[in-house]
């Protein structure tokens, strides 16, 4: 499944800070923009995998369904 998120980058001194606009817990930094982009993709992947794993702990009493919306 392909998903799209908005990455935001800001240079602060000698570092680039990056975060995902839609998911507050996903943020990172890098010495170069290229490094920050790589780190942010990895951070997003780890958060999504962790959230999916945690939601499966109580699998017996949950309703799981896709949610789609338009802007």
C-alpha atoms as a PDB file:
ATOM      1  CA  UNK A   1       0.000   0.000   0.000  1.00  0.00           C
ATOM      2  CA  UNK A   2       1.402   3.360  -1.020  1.00  0.00           C
ATOM      3  CA  UNK A   3       0.952   6.245   1.398  1.00  0.00           C
ATOM      4  CA  UNK A   4       1.924   9.879   1.033  1.00  0.00           C
ATOM      5  CA  UNK A   5       3.008  12.227   3.803  1.00  0.00           C
ATOM      6  CA  UNK A   6       4.460  15.733   3.885  1.00  0.00           C
ATOM      7  CA  UNK A   7       8.110  16.046   4.892  1.00  0.00           C
ATOM      8  CA  UNK A   8       9.259  19.435   6.190  1.00  0.00           C
ATOM      9  CA  UNK A   9      12.939  20.378   6.472  1.00  0.00           C
ATOM     10  CA  UNK A  10      14.548  23.387   8.122  1.00  0.00           C
ATOM     11  CA  UNK A  11      18.211  24.276   8.415  1.00  0.00           C
ATOM     12  CA  UNK A  12      19.220  25.251  11.941  1.00  0.00           C
ATOM     13  CA  UNK A  13      22.877  26.178  12.196  1.00  0.00           C
ATOM     14  CA  UNK A  14      24.897  23.291  10.794  1.00  0.00           C
ATOM     15  CA  UNK A  15      22.034  20.774  11.049  1.00  0.00           C
ATOM     16  CA  UNK A  16      18.925  20.031   9.033  1.00  0.00           C
ATOM     17  CA  UNK A  17      15.832  19.193  11.056  1.00  0.00           C
ATOM     18  CA  UNK A  18      13.036  17.237   9.447  1.00  0.00           C
ATOM     19  CA  UNK A  19       9.565  16.165  10.482  1.00  0.00           C
ATOM     20  CA  UNK A  20       6.395  14.691   9.026  1.00  0.00           C
ATOM     21  CA  UNK A  21       3.590  17.214   9.078  1.00  0.00           C
ATOM     22  CA  UNK A  22       0.821  14.646   9.569  1.00  0.00           C
ATOM     23  CA  UNK A  23       2.466  12.581  12.343  1.00  0.00           C
ATOM     24  CA  UNK A  24       3.914  14.611  15.236  1.00  0.00           C
ATOM     25  CA  UNK A  25       6.063  11.740  16.594  1.00  0.00           C
ATOM     26  CA  UNK A  26       8.151  11.503  13.401  1.00  0.00           C
ATOM     27  CA  UNK A  27      11.130  13.853  13.441  1.00  0.00           C
ATOM     28  CA  UNK A  28      14.881  13.680  12.913  1.00  0.00           C
ATOM     29  CA  UNK A  29      17.994  15.597  12.009  1.00  0.00           C
ATOM     30  CA  UNK A  30      21.046  15.250   9.799  1.00  0.00           C
ATOM     31  CA  UNK A  31      24.247  17.098   9.006  1.00  0.00           C
ATOM     32  CA  UNK A  32      23.173  17.291   5.361  1.00  0.00           C
ATOM     33  CA  UNK A  33      19.751  17.528   3.739  1.00  0.00           C
ATOM     34  CA  UNK A  34      20.366  14.137   2.135  1.00  0.00           C
ATOM     35  CA  UNK A  35      21.098  12.573   5.530  1.00  0.00           C
ATOM     36  CA  UNK A  36      18.032  14.221   7.107  1.00  0.00           C
ATOM     37  CA  UNK A  37      15.806  12.866   4.302  1.00  0.00           C
ATOM     38  CA  UNK A  38      17.186   9.350   4.735  1.00  0.00           C
ATOM     39  CA  UNK A  39      16.767   9.533   8.517  1.00  0.00           C
ATOM     40  CA  UNK A  40      13.204  10.839   8.222  1.00  0.00           C
ATOM     41  CA  UNK A  41      12.120   7.985   5.941  1.00  0.00           C
ATOM     42  CA  UNK A  42      13.589   5.518   8.411  1.00  0.00           C
ATOM     43  CA  UNK A  43      11.896   7.228  11.377  1.00  0.00           C
ATOM     44  CA  UNK A  44       8.523   7.197   9.593  1.00  0.00           C
ATOM     45  CA  UNK A  45       8.868   3.522   8.734  1.00  0.00           C
ATOM     46  CA  UNK A  46       9.757   2.635  12.335  1.00  0.00           C
ATOM     47  CA  UNK A  47       6.819   4.599  13.795  1.00  0.00           C
ATOM     48  CA  UNK A  48       4.320   3.030  11.382  1.00  0.00           C
ATOM     49  CA  UNK A  49       5.635  -0.478  12.070  1.00  0.00           C
ATOM     50  CA  UNK A  50       5.569   0.119  15.830  1.00  0.00           C
ATOM     51  CA  UNK A  51       2.023   1.513  15.771  1.00  0.00           C
ATOM     52  CA  UNK A  52       0.821  -1.471  13.749  1.00  0.00           C
ATOM     53  CA  UNK A  53       2.511  -3.902  16.150  1.00  0.00           C
ATOM     54  CA  UNK A  54       1.039  -2.200  19.205  1.00  0.00           C
ATOM     55  CA  UNK A  55      -2.462  -2.218  17.756  1.00  0.00           C
ATOM     56  CA  UNK A  56      -2.259  -5.983  17.209  1.00  0.00           C
ATOM     57  CA  UNK A  57      -1.664  -6.668  20.903  1.00  0.00           C
ATOM     58  CA  UNK A  58      -5.391  -6.460  21.630  1.00  0.00           C
ATOM     59  CA  UNK A  59      -6.485  -8.003  18.329  1.00  0.00           C
ATOM     60  CA  UNK A  60      -9.530  -9.749  19.813  1.00  0.00           C
ATOM     61  CA  UNK A  61     -11.678  -6.641  20.384  1.00  0.00           C
ATOM     62  CA  UNK A  62     -10.771  -4.130  17.699  1.00  0.00           C
ATOM     63  CA  UNK A  63     -12.354  -2.953  14.472  1.00  0.00           C
ATOM     64  CA  UNK A  64      -9.792  -2.175  11.801  1.00  0.00           C
ATOM     65  CA  UNK A  65     -10.737  -0.484   8.532  1.00  0.00           C
ATOM     66  CA  UNK A  66      -9.224   1.913   5.991  1.00  0.00           C
ATOM     67  CA  UNK A  67     -10.097   5.573   6.332  1.00  0.00           C
ATOM     68  CA  UNK A  68     -10.033   7.822   3.284  1.00  0.00           C
ATOM     69  CA  UNK A  69     -10.693  11.539   3.149  1.00  0.00           C
ATOM     70  CA  UNK A  70     -10.393  14.365   0.653  1.00  0.00           C
ATOM     71  CA  UNK A  71      -8.964  17.774   1.321  1.00  0.00           C
END
